[in-house]
Amino acid sequence: MYEIGRVTAYQAPSIVAFSWRAPSWDVTTQVEIRLSAEAGGTRIQLEHSGWEQSAKTREARTNYDTGWGRILGYYQAVFGTADAQKGQSR
């Protein structure tokens, strides 16, 4: 088994933070996600820091920057569809 991170902060319903590292890295990065209610939905703010720690993380940063957009897009597609379906069934 390989540990990729640990939860470092959890303040429901607004903050979750965790350390994260790829199997090939010797250092960990930090991810913090902030959630806030907005009209018609939830705003998600994500900060992934610690990239400057090693050559491997600096090289990987570009790939992970685009990866977060893809991951968050999946969530938006699923929950956006669920909300749209709820609205249509009323």
N, C-alpha and C. Protein backbone atom coordinates (compact mmCIF):
# COMPACT_ATOMS: atom_id res chain seq x y z
N MET A 1 0.84 -1.17 0.00
CA MET A 1 0.00 0.00 0.00
C MET A 1 0.90 1.25 0.00
N TYR A 2 0.42 2.30 -0.64
CA TYR A 2 1.17 3.54 -0.74
C TYR A 2 0.28 4.70 -0.29
N GLU A 3 0.75 5.49 0.63
CA GLU A 3 0.00 6.65 1.11
C GLU A 3 0.31 7.84 0.21
N ILE A 4 -0.75 8.45 -0.33
CA ILE A 4 -0.54 9.62 -1.20
C ILE A 4 -0.84 10.93 -0.49
N GLY A 5 -1.42 10.88 0.69
CA GLY A 5 -1.70 12.12 1.40
C GLY A 5 -2.46 11.88 2.68
N ARG A 6 -2.62 12.97 3.41
CA ARG A 6 -3.36 12.95 4.68
C ARG A 6 -4.19 14.22 4.79
N VAL A 7 -5.36 14.10 5.37
CA VAL A 7 -6.20 15.26 5.62
C VAL A 7 -5.52 16.10 6.69
N THR A 8 -5.34 17.38 6.41
CA THR A 8 -4.67 18.28 7.35
C THR A 8 -5.63 19.29 7.99
N ALA A 9 -6.78 19.50 7.38
CA ALA A 9 -7.80 20.40 7.95
C ALA A 9 -9.16 19.99 7.41
N TYR A 10 -10.16 20.06 8.29
CA TYR A 10 -11.53 19.78 7.87
C TYR A 10 -12.45 20.63 8.73
N GLN A 11 -13.11 21.58 8.10
CA GLN A 11 -14.05 22.45 8.78
C GLN A 11 -15.33 22.45 7.96
N ALA A 12 -16.17 21.44 8.20
CA ALA A 12 -17.41 21.31 7.44
C ALA A 12 -18.29 22.52 7.69
N PRO A 13 -18.94 23.04 6.72
CA PRO A 13 -18.98 22.60 5.33
C PRO A 13 -18.08 23.43 4.41
N SER A 14 -17.10 24.15 4.98
CA SER A 14 -16.43 25.14 4.14
C SER A 14 -14.99 24.85 3.72
N ILE A 15 -14.25 24.01 4.45
CA ILE A 15 -12.84 23.80 4.11
C ILE A 15 -12.45 22.33 4.27
N VAL A 16 -11.70 21.85 3.30
CA VAL A 16 -11.00 20.58 3.44
C VAL A 16 -9.62 20.78 2.84
N ALA A 17 -8.60 20.32 3.56
CA ALA A 17 -7.23 20.46 3.09
C ALA A 17 -6.50 19.14 3.30
N PHE A 18 -5.56 18.87 2.42
CA PHE A 18 -4.81 17.62 2.55
C PHE A 18 -3.44 17.75 1.88
N SER A 19 -2.53 16.91 2.35
CA SER A 19 -1.23 16.81 1.69
C SER A 19 -1.39 15.82 0.54
N TRP A 20 -0.55 15.96 -0.47
CA TRP A 20 -0.65 15.05 -1.63
C TRP A 20 0.70 14.91 -2.30
N ARG A 21 1.00 13.68 -2.70
CA ARG A 21 2.22 13.46 -3.47
C ARG A 21 2.06 12.27 -4.39
N ALA A 22 2.73 12.35 -5.52
CA ALA A 22 2.75 11.25 -6.48
C ALA A 22 3.75 10.20 -5.98
N PRO A 23 3.59 8.95 -6.37
CA PRO A 23 4.51 7.90 -5.92
C PRO A 23 5.98 8.16 -6.23
N SER A 24 6.28 8.90 -7.28
CA SER A 24 7.68 9.14 -7.65
C SER A 24 8.30 10.36 -6.98
N TRP A 25 7.54 11.09 -6.16
CA TRP A 25 8.05 12.29 -5.52
C TRP A 25 8.59 12.00 -4.13
N ASP A 26 9.58 12.79 -3.71
CA ASP A 26 10.13 12.69 -2.35
C ASP A 26 9.54 13.75 -1.43
N VAL A 27 8.71 14.63 -1.96
CA VAL A 27 8.11 15.72 -1.18
C VAL A 27 6.59 15.67 -1.33
N THR A 28 5.89 16.34 -0.43
CA THR A 28 4.43 16.43 -0.54
C THR A 28 4.03 17.85 -0.89
N THR A 29 2.92 17.97 -1.61
CA THR A 29 2.33 19.27 -1.91
C THR A 29 1.09 19.41 -1.03
N GLN A 30 0.50 20.59 -1.03
CA GLN A 30 -0.67 20.84 -0.20
C GLN A 30 -1.84 21.28 -1.08
N VAL A 31 -2.99 20.74 -0.76
CA VAL A 31 -4.22 21.10 -1.48
C VAL A 31 -5.21 21.63 -0.45
N GLU A 32 -5.80 22.79 -0.76
CA GLU A 32 -6.85 23.34 0.09
C GLU A 32 -8.05 23.66 -0.79
N ILE A 33 -9.20 23.18 -0.36
CA ILE A 33 -10.45 23.40 -1.09
C ILE A 33 -11.39 24.17 -0.18
N ARG A 34 -11.88 25.31 -0.68
CA ARG A 34 -12.83 26.14 0.06
C ARG A 34 -14.16 26.12 -0.68
N LEU A 35 -15.23 25.92 0.07
CA LEU A 35 -16.57 25.87 -0.50
C LEU A 35 -17.41 26.97 0.12
N SER A 36 -18.18 27.68 -0.72
CA SER A 36 -19.06 28.71 -0.21
C SER A 36 -20.34 28.73 -1.04
N ALA A 37 -21.43 28.97 -0.34
CA ALA A 37 -22.73 29.03 -1.01
C ALA A 37 -22.83 30.29 -1.84
N GLU A 38 -23.39 30.13 -3.04
CA GLU A 38 -23.68 31.26 -3.91
C GLU A 38 -25.05 31.02 -4.52
N ALA A 39 -25.66 32.07 -4.99
CA ALA A 39 -26.98 31.94 -5.59
C ALA A 39 -26.97 30.85 -6.66
N GLY A 40 -27.80 29.85 -6.48
CA GLY A 40 -27.91 28.80 -7.47
C GLY A 40 -26.84 27.72 -7.40
N GLY A 41 -25.98 27.74 -6.39
CA GLY A 41 -24.97 26.69 -6.34
C GLY A 41 -23.90 26.90 -5.29
N THR A 42 -22.76 26.32 -5.54
CA THR A 42 -21.63 26.37 -4.61
C THR A 42 -20.38 26.80 -5.37
N ARG A 43 -19.65 27.74 -4.81
CA ARG A 43 -18.36 28.15 -5.37
C ARG A 43 -17.29 27.26 -4.76
N ILE A 44 -16.43 26.73 -5.61
CA ILE A 44 -15.31 25.91 -5.17
C ILE A 44 -14.03 26.63 -5.53
N GLN A 45 -13.20 26.89 -4.52
CA GLN A 45 -11.89 27.49 -4.73
C GLN A 45 -10.84 26.45 -4.33
N LEU A 46 -9.94 26.15 -5.23
CA LEU A 46 -8.94 25.13 -5.00
C LEU A 46 -7.55 25.73 -5.15
N GLU A 47 -6.71 25.50 -4.16
CA GLU A 47 -5.33 25.95 -4.23
C GLU A 47 -4.42 24.74 -4.00
N HIS A 48 -3.54 24.49 -4.94
CA HIS A 48 -2.58 23.37 -4.85
C HIS A 48 -1.20 24.01 -4.83
N SER A 49 -0.53 23.94 -3.69
CA SER A 49 0.76 24.63 -3.52
C SER A 49 1.88 23.65 -3.16
N GLY A 50 3.09 24.17 -3.15
CA GLY A 50 4.25 23.37 -2.79
C GLY A 50 5.04 22.84 -3.97
N TRP A 51 4.73 23.33 -5.16
CA TRP A 51 5.37 22.84 -6.38
C TRP A 51 6.85 23.18 -6.46
N GLU A 52 7.29 24.22 -5.77
CA GLU A 52 8.66 24.68 -5.88
C GLU A 52 9.67 23.80 -5.13
N GLN A 53 9.22 22.79 -4.42
CA GLN A 53 10.08 22.01 -3.53
C GLN A 53 11.13 21.14 -4.22
N SER A 54 10.85 20.68 -5.42
CA SER A 54 11.81 19.79 -6.08
C SER A 54 11.70 19.93 -7.60
N ALA A 55 12.70 19.43 -8.30
CA ALA A 55 12.68 19.46 -9.76
C ALA A 55 11.52 18.64 -10.31
N LYS A 56 11.24 17.49 -9.70
CA LYS A 56 10.13 16.64 -10.18
C LYS A 56 8.79 17.35 -10.06
N THR A 57 8.56 18.02 -8.93
CA THR A 57 7.27 18.70 -8.77
C THR A 57 7.17 19.92 -9.69
N ARG A 58 8.27 20.64 -9.87
CA ARG A 58 8.24 21.79 -10.79
C ARG A 58 7.92 21.33 -12.21
N GLU A 59 8.51 20.22 -12.64
CA GLU A 59 8.25 19.69 -13.98
C GLU A 59 6.81 19.19 -14.12
N ALA A 60 6.26 18.64 -13.05
CA ALA A 60 4.92 18.05 -13.12
C ALA A 60 3.80 19.08 -13.02
N ARG A 61 4.10 20.27 -12.57
CA ARG A 61 3.06 21.26 -12.29
C ARG A 61 2.13 21.52 -13.46
N THR A 62 2.61 21.68 -14.63
CA THR A 62 1.77 21.98 -15.78
C THR A 62 0.73 20.88 -16.00
N ASN A 63 1.13 19.63 -15.91
CA ASN A 63 0.19 18.53 -16.09
C ASN A 63 -0.89 18.53 -15.01
N TYR A 64 -0.51 18.82 -13.78
CA TYR A 64 -1.49 18.82 -12.70
C TYR A 64 -2.40 20.03 -12.77
N ASP A 65 -1.91 21.16 -13.23
CA ASP A 65 -2.79 22.33 -13.39
C ASP A 65 -3.94 22.01 -14.33
N THR A 66 -3.66 21.36 -15.44
CA THR A 66 -4.74 21.00 -16.37
C THR A 66 -5.59 19.86 -15.81
N GLY A 67 -4.99 19.01 -15.00
CA GLY A 67 -5.72 17.88 -14.40
C GLY A 67 -6.81 18.33 -13.45
N TRP A 68 -6.54 19.35 -12.63
CA TRP A 68 -7.56 19.84 -11.72
C TRP A 68 -8.76 20.37 -12.49
N GLY A 69 -8.53 21.07 -13.59
CA GLY A 69 -9.64 21.56 -14.40
C GLY A 69 -10.51 20.42 -14.90
N ARG A 70 -9.87 19.36 -15.31
CA ARG A 70 -10.61 18.18 -15.79
C ARG A 70 -11.41 17.54 -14.66
N ILE A 71 -10.78 17.34 -13.50
CA ILE A 71 -11.46 16.71 -12.36
C ILE A 71 -12.66 17.55 -11.93
N LEU A 72 -12.45 18.85 -11.76
CA LEU A 72 -13.56 19.72 -11.35
C LEU A 72 -14.66 19.76 -12.41
N GLY A 73 -14.28 19.66 -13.67
CA GLY A 73 -15.27 19.60 -14.75
C GLY A 73 -16.16 18.37 -14.65
N TYR A 74 -15.58 17.23 -14.23
CA TYR A 74 -16.38 16.02 -14.03
C TYR A 74 -17.42 16.23 -12.93
N TYR A 75 -16.98 16.84 -11.83
CA TYR A 75 -17.93 17.12 -10.74
C TYR A 75 -19.03 18.06 -11.22
N GLN A 76 -18.65 19.09 -11.95
CA GLN A 76 -19.65 20.04 -12.45
C GLN A 76 -20.65 19.34 -13.36
N ALA A 77 -20.17 18.47 -14.21
CA ALA A 77 -21.06 17.76 -15.13
C ALA A 77 -22.05 16.87 -14.38
N VAL A 78 -21.57 16.16 -13.37
CA VAL A 78 -22.44 15.25 -12.62
C VAL A 78 -23.45 16.03 -11.78
N PHE A 79 -22.97 16.99 -11.00
CA PHE A 79 -23.88 17.72 -10.13
C PHE A 79 -24.73 18.71 -10.88
N GLY A 80 -24.22 19.29 -11.95
CA GLY A 80 -25.03 20.18 -12.77
C GLY A 80 -26.18 19.43 -13.41
N THR A 81 -25.90 18.19 -13.89
CA THR A 81 -26.94 17.35 -14.47
C THR A 81 -27.97 16.97 -13.42
N ALA A 82 -27.51 16.62 -12.22
CA ALA A 82 -28.43 16.23 -11.15
C ALA A 82 -29.35 17.39 -10.81
N ASP A 83 -28.79 18.61 -10.71
CA ASP A 83 -29.62 19.78 -10.40
C ASP A 83 -30.61 20.05 -11.50
N ALA A 84 -30.18 19.93 -12.75
CA ALA A 84 -31.08 20.16 -13.88
C ALA A 84 -32.22 19.14 -13.88
N GLN A 85 -31.92 17.89 -13.57
CA GLN A 85 -32.95 16.85 -13.55
C GLN A 85 -33.93 17.10 -12.42
N LYS A 86 -33.44 17.54 -11.26
CA LYS A 86 -34.33 17.85 -10.15
C LYS A 86 -35.29 18.98 -10.54
N GLY A 87 -34.76 19.99 -11.19
CA GLY A 87 -35.56 21.13 -11.59
C GLY A 87 -36.64 20.73 -12.60
N GLN A 88 -36.34 19.79 -13.48
CA GLN A 88 -37.30 19.35 -14.48
C GLN A 88 -38.38 18.47 -13.90
N SER A 89 -38.09 17.77 -12.79
CA SER A 89 -39.07 16.83 -12.26
C SER A 89 -40.06 17.48 -11.31
N ARG A 90 -39.90 18.75 -10.99
CA ARG A 90 -40.80 19.41 -10.03
C ARG A 90 -42.09 19.80 -10.66
